Amino acid sequence: MSAERTNKFDWSCLLIGVLFLFVALIAFRNPAANLAAITIVFAMAALFKGILLIRQRGGSTLRLVVGILDVAIGVIFLFNLGFSMAIMPYIFAFWFIMTSIDALVYSWPLKLWNKGLYIFTLILNVLCVILGFFMVVNPLSSILTMSFLAGFYFMSAGIVSILLAFGRPRT
């Protein structure tokens, strides 16, 4: 007996995707002058994403931990702007690594549903993990390219999130 898979539209994935694409545009537009703006928008994006992950964790401990960390990062960044800008390379690095590992762990169902999207998601998230480690190892050089790296991360995460919004398999 075969069960038919049905797809449902996921509004939270769409909202996260659009928000992340907006953050990517800010990052690419004026990299030298927008560190404070990126910090504030990053804080709001982390807070929003964390709340959604906590709400939709589906019994997963990893998703709950990532959601709680996202909320904590969002609150810290919103209320300590100077401190946040100083530690931004490290926070971004660990956030890149954690959210990309989370996406890698939860991408395996895509293999059954859409192999192309699975491979695309796998490649993007592996690249984001590598970028995160690069930022941890070399924070001074990553300060110079932070807007580009942030833009790339938010653009790739936004695209994947929007693609998932239009065809996430119903479980």
C-alpha atoms as a PDB file:
ATOM      1  CA  MET A   1       0.000   0.000   0.000  1.00  0.00           C
ATOM      2  CA  SER A   2       1.538   3.303  -1.003  1.00  0.00           C
ATOM      3  CA  ALA A   3       0.744   6.517   0.730  1.00  0.00           C
ATOM      4  CA  GLU A   4       0.566   9.580  -1.452  1.00  0.00           C
ATOM      5  CA  ARG A   5       2.685  12.486  -0.427  1.00  0.00           C
ATOM      6  CA  THR A   6       0.964  15.809  -0.329  1.00  0.00           C
ATOM      7  CA  ASN A   7       2.631  19.155  -0.139  1.00  0.00           C
ATOM      8  CA  LYS A   8       1.563  22.066   1.968  1.00  0.00           C
ATOM      9  CA  PHE A   9       2.517  25.705   1.805  1.00  0.00           C
ATOM     10  CA  ASP A  10       4.682  26.764   4.742  1.00  0.00           C
ATOM     11  CA  TRP A  11       4.157  30.449   5.568  1.00  0.00           C
ATOM     12  CA  SER A  12       6.879  30.533   8.218  1.00  0.00           C
ATOM     13  CA  CYS A  13       9.494  29.300   5.709  1.00  0.00           C
ATOM     14  CA  LEU A  14       8.339  31.944   3.236  1.00  0.00           C
ATOM     15  CA  LEU A  15       8.539  34.728   5.843  1.00  0.00           C
ATOM     16  CA  ILE A  16      12.005  33.651   6.981  1.00  0.00           C
ATOM     17  CA  GLY A  17      13.137  33.392   3.358  1.00  0.00           C
ATOM     18  CA  VAL A  18      11.887  36.863   2.434  1.00  0.00           C
ATOM     19  CA  LEU A  19      13.381  38.354   5.614  1.00  0.00           C
ATOM     20  CA  PHE A  20      16.734  36.699   4.915  1.00  0.00           C
ATOM     21  CA  LEU A  21      16.735  37.930   1.285  1.00  0.00           C
ATOM     22  CA  PHE A  22      16.029  41.455   2.586  1.00  0.00           C
ATOM     23  CA  VAL A  23      18.998  41.165   4.958  1.00  0.00           C
ATOM     24  CA  ALA A  24      21.161  39.932   2.046  1.00  0.00           C
ATOM     25  CA  LEU A  25      20.230  43.002  -0.030  1.00  0.00           C
ATOM     26  CA  ILE A  26      21.215  45.286   2.854  1.00  0.00           C
ATOM     27  CA  ALA A  27      24.533  43.466   3.209  1.00  0.00           C
ATOM     28  CA  PHE A  28      25.400  43.715  -0.503  1.00  0.00           C
ATOM     29  CA  ARG A  29      24.210  47.295  -1.005  1.00  0.00           C
ATOM     30  CA  ASN A  30      26.725  49.257   1.090  1.00  0.00           C
ATOM     31  CA  PRO A  31      29.135  46.978   2.939  1.00  0.00           C
ATOM     32  CA  ALA A  32      31.360  49.672   4.465  1.00  0.00           C
ATOM     33  CA  ALA A  33      28.618  51.798   5.997  1.00  0.00           C
ATOM     34  CA  ASN A  34      26.087  49.279   7.205  1.00  0.00           C
ATOM     35  CA  LEU A  35      27.609  47.289  10.083  1.00  0.00           C
ATOM     36  CA  ALA A  36      25.182  48.766  12.632  1.00  0.00           C
ATOM     37  CA  ALA A  37      22.198  48.217  10.323  1.00  0.00           C
ATOM     38  CA  ILE A  38      23.278  44.649   9.621  1.00  0.00           C
ATOM     39  CA  THR A  39      23.677  44.080  13.359  1.00  0.00           C
ATOM     40  CA  ILE A  40      20.147  45.310  14.091  1.00  0.00           C
ATOM     41  CA  VAL A  41      18.527  43.425  11.214  1.00  0.00           C
ATOM     42  CA  PHE A  42      20.562  40.328  12.085  1.00  0.00           C
ATOM     43  CA  ALA A  43      19.313  40.578  15.664  1.00  0.00           C
ATOM     44  CA  MET A  44      15.699  40.829  14.518  1.00  0.00           C
ATOM     45  CA  ALA A  45      16.154  37.944  12.052  1.00  0.00           C
ATOM     46  CA  ALA A  46      17.753  35.739  14.724  1.00  0.00           C
ATOM     47  CA  LEU A  47      15.002  36.598  17.209  1.00  0.00           C
ATOM     48  CA  PHE A  48      12.220  35.889  14.682  1.00  0.00           C
ATOM     49  CA  LYS A  49      13.822  32.649  13.466  1.00  0.00           C
ATOM     50  CA  GLY A  50      14.437  31.484  17.029  1.00  0.00           C
ATOM     51  CA  ILE A  51      10.822  32.058  18.026  1.00  0.00           C
ATOM     52  CA  LEU A  52       9.609  30.137  14.970  1.00  0.00           C
ATOM     53  CA  LEU A  53      12.005  27.247  15.631  1.00  0.00           C
ATOM     54  CA  ILE A  54      10.889  27.012  19.251  1.00  0.00           C
ATOM     55  CA  ARG A  55       7.250  27.077  18.162  1.00  0.00           C
ATOM     56  CA  GLN A  56       7.694  24.492  15.411  1.00  0.00           C
ATOM     57  CA  ARG A  57      10.421  22.282  16.828  1.00  0.00           C
ATOM     58  CA  GLY A  58       8.346  19.119  16.457  1.00  0.00           C
ATOM     59  CA  GLY A  59       9.949  17.326  19.400  1.00  0.00           C
ATOM     60  CA  SER A  60      13.518  17.904  18.225  1.00  0.00           C
ATOM     61  CA  THR A  61      16.034  18.815  20.902  1.00  0.00           C
ATOM     62  CA  LEU A  62      18.505  20.250  18.366  1.00  0.00           C
ATOM     63  CA  ARG A  63      15.868  22.571  16.904  1.00  0.00           C
ATOM     64  CA  LEU A  64      14.889  23.704  20.403  1.00  0.00           C
ATOM     65  CA  VAL A  65      18.537  24.434  21.291  1.00  0.00           C
ATOM     66  CA  VAL A  66      19.121  26.316  18.013  1.00  0.00           C
ATOM     67  CA  GLY A  67      15.877  28.258  18.560  1.00  0.00           C
ATOM     68  CA  ILE A  68      16.836  29.242  22.109  1.00  0.00           C
ATOM     69  CA  LEU A  69      20.324  30.297  20.966  1.00  0.00           C
ATOM     70  CA  ASP A  70      18.815  32.340  18.119  1.00  0.00           C
ATOM     71  CA  VAL A  71      16.511  34.159  20.559  1.00  0.00           C
ATOM     72  CA  ALA A  72      19.402  34.790  22.980  1.00  0.00           C
ATOM     73  CA  ILE A  73      21.629  36.113  20.182  1.00  0.00           C
ATOM     74  CA  GLY A  74      18.821  38.350  18.923  1.00  0.00           C
ATOM     75  CA  VAL A  75      18.199  39.860  22.366  1.00  0.00           C
ATOM     76  CA  ILE A  76      21.918  40.386  23.081  1.00  0.00           C
ATOM     77  CA  PHE A  77      22.472  42.057  19.713  1.00  0.00           C
ATOM     78  CA  LEU A  78      19.460  44.363  20.071  1.00  0.00           C
ATOM     79  CA  PHE A  79      20.365  45.635  23.531  1.00  0.00           C
ATOM     80  CA  ASN A  80      24.189  45.842  23.258  1.00  0.00           C
ATOM     81  CA  LEU A  81      24.894  47.317  19.832  1.00  0.00           C
ATOM     82  CA  GLY A  82      28.533  48.367  20.445  1.00  0.00           C
ATOM     83  CA  PHE A  83      29.462  45.069  22.013  1.00  0.00           C
ATOM     84  CA  SER A  84      27.572  43.236  19.275  1.00  0.00           C
ATOM     85  CA  MET A  85      29.464  44.964  16.478  1.00  0.00           C
ATOM     86  CA  ALA A  86      32.777  44.108  18.179  1.00  0.00           C
ATOM     87  CA  ILE A  87      32.007  40.400  18.463  1.00  0.00           C
ATOM     88  CA  MET A  88      30.027  40.148  15.235  1.00  0.00           C
ATOM     89  CA  PRO A  89      32.575  37.967  13.369  1.00  0.00           C
ATOM     90  CA  TYR A  90      32.488  35.304  16.081  1.00  0.00           C
ATOM     91  CA  ILE A  91      28.728  35.403  16.542  1.00  0.00           C
ATOM     92  CA  PHE A  92      28.174  35.174  12.792  1.00  0.00           C
ATOM     93  CA  ALA A  93      30.675  32.327  12.559  1.00  0.00           C
ATOM     94  CA  PHE A  94      29.017  30.238  15.243  1.00  0.00           C
ATOM     95  CA  TRP A  95      25.544  31.093  13.932  1.00  0.00           C
ATOM     96  CA  PHE A  96      26.567  30.072  10.387  1.00  0.00           C
ATOM     97  CA  ILE A  97      27.968  26.803  11.685  1.00  0.00           C
ATOM     98  CA  MET A  98      25.039  25.944  13.985  1.00  0.00           C
ATOM     99  CA  THR A  99      22.220  26.813  11.602  1.00  0.00           C
ATOM    100  CA  SER A 100      23.973  25.111   8.692  1.00  0.00           C
ATOM    101  CA  ILE A 101      24.519  21.936  10.707  1.00  0.00           C
ATOM    102  CA  ASP A 102      20.862  22.100  11.753  1.00  0.00           C
ATOM    103  CA  ALA A 103      19.845  22.406   8.090  1.00  0.00           C
ATOM    104  CA  LEU A 104      22.148  19.507   7.139  1.00  0.00           C
ATOM    105  CA  VAL A 105      20.651  17.287   9.834  1.00  0.00           C
ATOM    106  CA  TYR A 106      17.111  18.072   8.724  1.00  0.00           C
ATOM    107  CA  SER A 107      17.742  18.000   4.969  1.00  0.00           C
ATOM    108  CA  TRP A 108      17.682  14.201   4.635  1.00  0.00           C
ATOM    109  CA  PRO A 109      13.886  14.011   4.048  1.00  0.00           C
ATOM    110  CA  LEU A 110      14.419  16.192   0.979  1.00  0.00           C
ATOM    111  CA  LYS A 111      16.375  13.330  -0.581  1.00  0.00           C
ATOM    112  CA  LEU A 112      13.184  11.283  -0.750  1.00  0.00           C
ATOM    113  CA  TRP A 113      11.074  14.170  -1.978  1.00  0.00           C
ATOM    114  CA  ASN A 114      13.317  16.167  -4.335  1.00  0.00           C
ATOM    115  CA  LYS A 115      16.863  14.971  -4.950  1.00  0.00           C
ATOM    116  CA  GLY A 116      17.918  18.191  -6.724  1.00  0.00           C
ATOM    117  CA  LEU A 117      16.778  20.385  -3.831  1.00  0.00           C
ATOM    118  CA  TYR A 118      18.473  17.977  -1.428  1.00  0.00           C
ATOM    119  CA  ILE A 119      21.816  18.293  -3.243  1.00  0.00           C
ATOM    120  CA  PHE A 120      21.421  22.090  -3.537  1.00  0.00           C
ATOM    121  CA  THR A 121      20.673  22.358   0.192  1.00  0.00           C
ATOM    122  CA  LEU A 122      23.554  20.045   1.042  1.00  0.00           C
ATOM    123  CA  ILE A 123      26.071  22.063  -1.001  1.00  0.00           C
ATOM    124  CA  LEU A 124      24.886  25.445   0.324  1.00  0.00           C
ATOM    125  CA  ASN A 125      24.966  24.329   3.937  1.00  0.00           C
ATOM    126  CA  VAL A 126      28.400  22.713   3.629  1.00  0.00           C
ATOM    127  CA  LEU A 127      29.667  25.995   2.111  1.00  0.00           C
ATOM    128  CA  CYS A 128      28.130  27.923   5.013  1.00  0.00           C
ATOM    129  CA  VAL A 129      29.838  25.628   7.549  1.00  0.00           C
ATOM    130  CA  ILE A 130      33.166  26.228   5.771  1.00  0.00           C
ATOM    131  CA  LEU A 131      32.553  30.004   5.792  1.00  0.00           C
ATOM    132  CA  GLY A 132      31.738  29.821   9.499  1.00  0.00           C
ATOM    133  CA  PHE A 133      34.996  28.034  10.279  1.00  0.00           C
ATOM    134  CA  PHE A 134      36.895  30.549   8.132  1.00  0.00           C
ATOM    135  CA  MET A 135      35.441  33.371  10.225  1.00  0.00           C
ATOM    136  CA  VAL A 136      36.416  31.660  13.502  1.00  0.00           C
ATOM    137  CA  VAL A 137      39.996  31.060  12.357  1.00  0.00           C
ATOM    138  CA  ASN A 138      40.575  34.474  10.787  1.00  0.00           C
ATOM    139  CA  PRO A 139      38.281  37.079  12.406  1.00  0.00           C
ATOM    140  CA  LEU A 140      40.293  40.152  11.319  1.00  0.00           C
ATOM    141  CA  SER A 141      40.027  39.373   7.633  1.00  0.00           C
ATOM    142  CA  SER A 142      36.416  38.332   8.014  1.00  0.00           C
ATOM    143  CA  ILE A 143      35.577  41.768   9.451  1.00  0.00           C
ATOM    144  CA  LEU A 144      36.584  43.214   6.079  1.00  0.00           C
ATOM    145  CA  THR A 145      34.354  40.814   4.177  1.00  0.00           C
ATOM    146  CA  MET A 146      31.586  40.388   6.742  1.00  0.00           C
ATOM    147  CA  SER A 147      28.929  42.129   4.678  1.00  0.00           C
ATOM    148  CA  PHE A 148      29.641  39.881   1.711  1.00  0.00           C
ATOM    149  CA  LEU A 149      29.726  36.726   3.845  1.00  0.00           C
ATOM    150  CA  ALA A 150      26.558  37.738   5.661  1.00  0.00           C
ATOM    151  CA  GLY A 151      24.880  38.586   2.368  1.00  0.00           C
ATOM    152  CA  PHE A 152      25.871  35.221   0.900  1.00  0.00           C
ATOM    153  CA  TYR A 153      24.642  33.351   3.949  1.00  0.00           C
ATOM    154  CA  PHE A 154      21.320  35.184   4.139  1.00  0.00           C
ATOM    155  CA  MET A 155      20.803  34.897   0.373  1.00  0.00           C
ATOM    156  CA  SER A 156      21.435  31.136   0.334  1.00  0.00           C
ATOM    157  CA  ALA A 157      19.385  30.487   3.482  1.00  0.00           C
ATOM    158  CA  GLY A 158      16.583  32.702   2.131  1.00  0.00           C
ATOM    159  CA  ILE A 159      16.467  30.879  -1.208  1.00  0.00           C
ATOM    160  CA  VAL A 160      16.350  27.467   0.453  1.00  0.00           C
ATOM    161  CA  SER A 161      13.667  28.634   2.881  1.00  0.00           C
ATOM    162  CA  ILE A 162      11.486  30.018   0.067  1.00  0.00           C
ATOM    163  CA  LEU A 163      11.894  26.818  -1.966  1.00  0.00           C
ATOM    164  CA  LEU A 164      10.859  24.798   1.073  1.00  0.00           C
ATOM    165  CA  ALA A 165       7.826  27.043   1.604  1.00  0.00           C
ATOM    166  CA  PHE A 166       6.378  26.042  -1.756  1.00  0.00           C
ATOM    167  CA  GLY A 167       6.828  22.328  -1.504  1.00  0.00           C
ATOM    168  CA  ARG A 168       7.658  20.959   1.912  1.00  0.00           C
ATOM    169  CA  PRO A 169       6.283  17.434   2.067  1.00  0.00           C
ATOM    170  CA  ARG A 170       3.545  16.929   4.617  1.00  0.00           C
ATOM    171  CA  THR A 171       4.642  14.482   7.284  1.00  0.00           C
END
